[in-house]
Amino acid sequence: MTAPRRVPPRVVPTELAALALGVPPATIRKWASRGKLTRYGRPGRAEYDLDELFALAQARTGTGRGAGLAEPEGSAAESA
């Protein structure tokens, strides 16, 4: 039996990560330096995992979405 393949993280650059959470890019960099987020990429090109960002947004807001993240159209939130 073979081990399941590891799926690489879906990553976005610092600016998009900041936009998704509704915080300045400097905050994303600070959280990464403090160990709240994992930094991917190479020197000069930081990227952050979307799933990790969503988990941090949920921890910050208690809603599961950051300030800049809207529910998809047709979601349960709209029909409730």
C-alpha atoms as a PDB file:
ATOM      1  CA  MET A   1       0.000   0.000   0.000  1.00  0.00           C
ATOM      2  CA  THR A   2       1.374   3.392  -0.939  1.00  0.00           C
ATOM      3  CA  ALA A   3       1.201   6.446   1.251  1.00  0.00           C
ATOM      4  CA  PRO A   4      -1.265   9.132   0.162  1.00  0.00           C
ATOM      5  CA  ARG A   5       0.270  11.946  -1.837  1.00  0.00           C
ATOM      6  CA  ARG A   6       0.797  15.132   0.085  1.00  0.00           C
ATOM      7  CA  VAL A   7      -1.118  18.032  -1.415  1.00  0.00           C
ATOM      8  CA  PRO A   8       0.962  21.209  -1.610  1.00  0.00           C
ATOM      9  CA  PRO A   9      -0.507  24.238   0.154  1.00  0.00           C
ATOM     10  CA  ARG A  10      -2.456  26.803  -1.849  1.00  0.00           C
ATOM     11  CA  VAL A  11      -0.406  29.924  -1.283  1.00  0.00           C
ATOM     12  CA  VAL A  12      -0.861  33.641  -1.949  1.00  0.00           C
ATOM     13  CA  PRO A  13       1.612  36.527  -1.756  1.00  0.00           C
ATOM     14  CA  THR A  14       1.772  38.806   1.278  1.00  0.00           C
ATOM     15  CA  GLU A  15      -0.397  41.532  -0.254  1.00  0.00           C
ATOM     16  CA  LEU A  16      -3.261  39.133  -1.037  1.00  0.00           C
ATOM     17  CA  ALA A  17      -2.977  37.498   2.380  1.00  0.00           C
ATOM     18  CA  ALA A  18      -3.304  40.930   3.987  1.00  0.00           C
ATOM     19  CA  LEU A  19      -6.261  41.830   1.785  1.00  0.00           C
ATOM     20  CA  ALA A  20      -7.998  38.543   2.629  1.00  0.00           C
ATOM     21  CA  LEU A  21      -7.700  39.184   6.374  1.00  0.00           C
ATOM     22  CA  GLY A  22      -8.300  42.931   6.208  1.00  0.00           C
ATOM     23  CA  VAL A  23      -4.956  43.839   7.768  1.00  0.00           C
ATOM     24  CA  PRO A  24      -1.867  45.685   6.491  1.00  0.00           C
ATOM     25  CA  PRO A  25       0.891  43.602   4.827  1.00  0.00           C
ATOM     26  CA  ALA A  26       3.192  44.493   7.738  1.00  0.00           C
ATOM     27  CA  THR A  27       0.833  42.618  10.063  1.00  0.00           C
ATOM     28  CA  ILE A  28       1.113  39.460   7.952  1.00  0.00           C
ATOM     29  CA  ARG A  29       4.906  39.711   8.065  1.00  0.00           C
ATOM     30  CA  LYS A  30       4.825  40.303  11.835  1.00  0.00           C
ATOM     31  CA  TRP A  31       2.581  37.268  12.404  1.00  0.00           C
ATOM     32  CA  ALA A  32       4.948  35.142  10.320  1.00  0.00           C
ATOM     33  CA  SER A  33       7.962  36.325  12.312  1.00  0.00           C
ATOM     34  CA  ARG A  34       6.118  35.492  15.554  1.00  0.00           C
ATOM     35  CA  GLY A  35       5.172  32.012  14.344  1.00  0.00           C
ATOM     36  CA  LYS A  36       1.422  32.604  13.884  1.00  0.00           C
ATOM     37  CA  LEU A  37       1.728  31.941  10.134  1.00  0.00           C
ATOM     38  CA  THR A  38       4.054  29.739   8.111  1.00  0.00           C
ATOM     39  CA  ARG A  39       6.047  31.607   5.473  1.00  0.00           C
ATOM     40  CA  TYR A  40       6.526  29.811   2.166  1.00  0.00           C
ATOM     41  CA  GLY A  41       8.270  30.989  -0.981  1.00  0.00           C
ATOM     42  CA  ARG A  42      11.822  32.071  -1.533  1.00  0.00           C
ATOM     43  CA  PRO A  43      13.846  35.100  -0.438  1.00  0.00           C
ATOM     44  CA  GLY A  44      12.100  38.229  -1.635  1.00  0.00           C
ATOM     45  CA  ARG A  45       8.869  36.340  -2.412  1.00  0.00           C
ATOM     46  CA  ALA A  46       6.923  35.430   0.730  1.00  0.00           C
ATOM     47  CA  GLU A  47       3.729  33.409   0.331  1.00  0.00           C
ATOM     48  CA  TYR A  48       1.176  32.150   2.850  1.00  0.00           C
ATOM     49  CA  ASP A  49      -1.146  29.136   2.904  1.00  0.00           C
ATOM     50  CA  LEU A  50      -4.823  30.027   2.335  1.00  0.00           C
ATOM     51  CA  ASP A  51      -6.086  27.331   4.713  1.00  0.00           C
ATOM     52  CA  GLU A  52      -3.791  28.635   7.437  1.00  0.00           C
ATOM     53  CA  LEU A  53      -4.994  32.194   6.773  1.00  0.00           C
ATOM     54  CA  PHE A  54      -8.641  31.097   7.026  1.00  0.00           C
ATOM     55  CA  ALA A  55      -7.930  29.305  10.314  1.00  0.00           C
ATOM     56  CA  LEU A  56      -6.258  32.439  11.692  1.00  0.00           C
ATOM     57  CA  ALA A  57      -9.208  34.554  10.525  1.00  0.00           C
ATOM     58  CA  GLN A  58     -11.596  32.218  12.331  1.00  0.00           C
ATOM     59  CA  ALA A  59      -9.539  32.446  15.507  1.00  0.00           C
ATOM     60  CA  ARG A  60      -9.474  36.259  15.257  1.00  0.00           C
ATOM     61  CA  THR A  61     -13.151  36.841  14.425  1.00  0.00           C
ATOM     62  CA  GLY A  62     -14.929  33.670  15.456  1.00  0.00           C
ATOM     63  CA  THR A  63     -16.724  33.653  12.096  1.00  0.00           C
ATOM     64  CA  GLY A  64     -14.489  31.514   9.926  1.00  0.00           C
ATOM     65  CA  ARG A  65     -13.882  34.358   7.485  1.00  0.00           C
ATOM     66  CA  GLY A  66     -11.631  37.383   7.711  1.00  0.00           C
ATOM     67  CA  ALA A  67     -12.886  40.935   7.437  1.00  0.00           C
ATOM     68  CA  GLY A  68     -12.139  40.990   3.719  1.00  0.00           C
ATOM     69  CA  LEU A  69     -13.618  37.591   2.915  1.00  0.00           C
ATOM     70  CA  ALA A  70     -17.227  37.369   1.775  1.00  0.00           C
ATOM     71  CA  GLU A  71     -19.365  34.273   1.727  1.00  0.00           C
ATOM     72  CA  PRO A  72     -19.672  32.754  -1.774  1.00  0.00           C
ATOM     73  CA  GLU A  73     -22.845  33.500  -3.714  1.00  0.00           C
ATOM     74  CA  GLY A  74     -25.635  31.078  -2.972  1.00  0.00           C
ATOM     75  CA  SER A  75     -24.151  30.166   0.396  1.00  0.00           C
ATOM     76  CA  ALA A  76     -26.130  29.129   3.426  1.00  0.00           C
ATOM     77  CA  ALA A  77     -25.452  32.548   4.988  1.00  0.00           C
ATOM     78  CA  GLU A  78     -27.516  34.239   2.280  1.00  0.00           C
ATOM     79  CA  SER A  79     -30.426  31.847   2.523  1.00  0.00           C
ATOM     80  CA  ALA A  80     -30.634  31.970   6.319  1.00  0.00           C
END
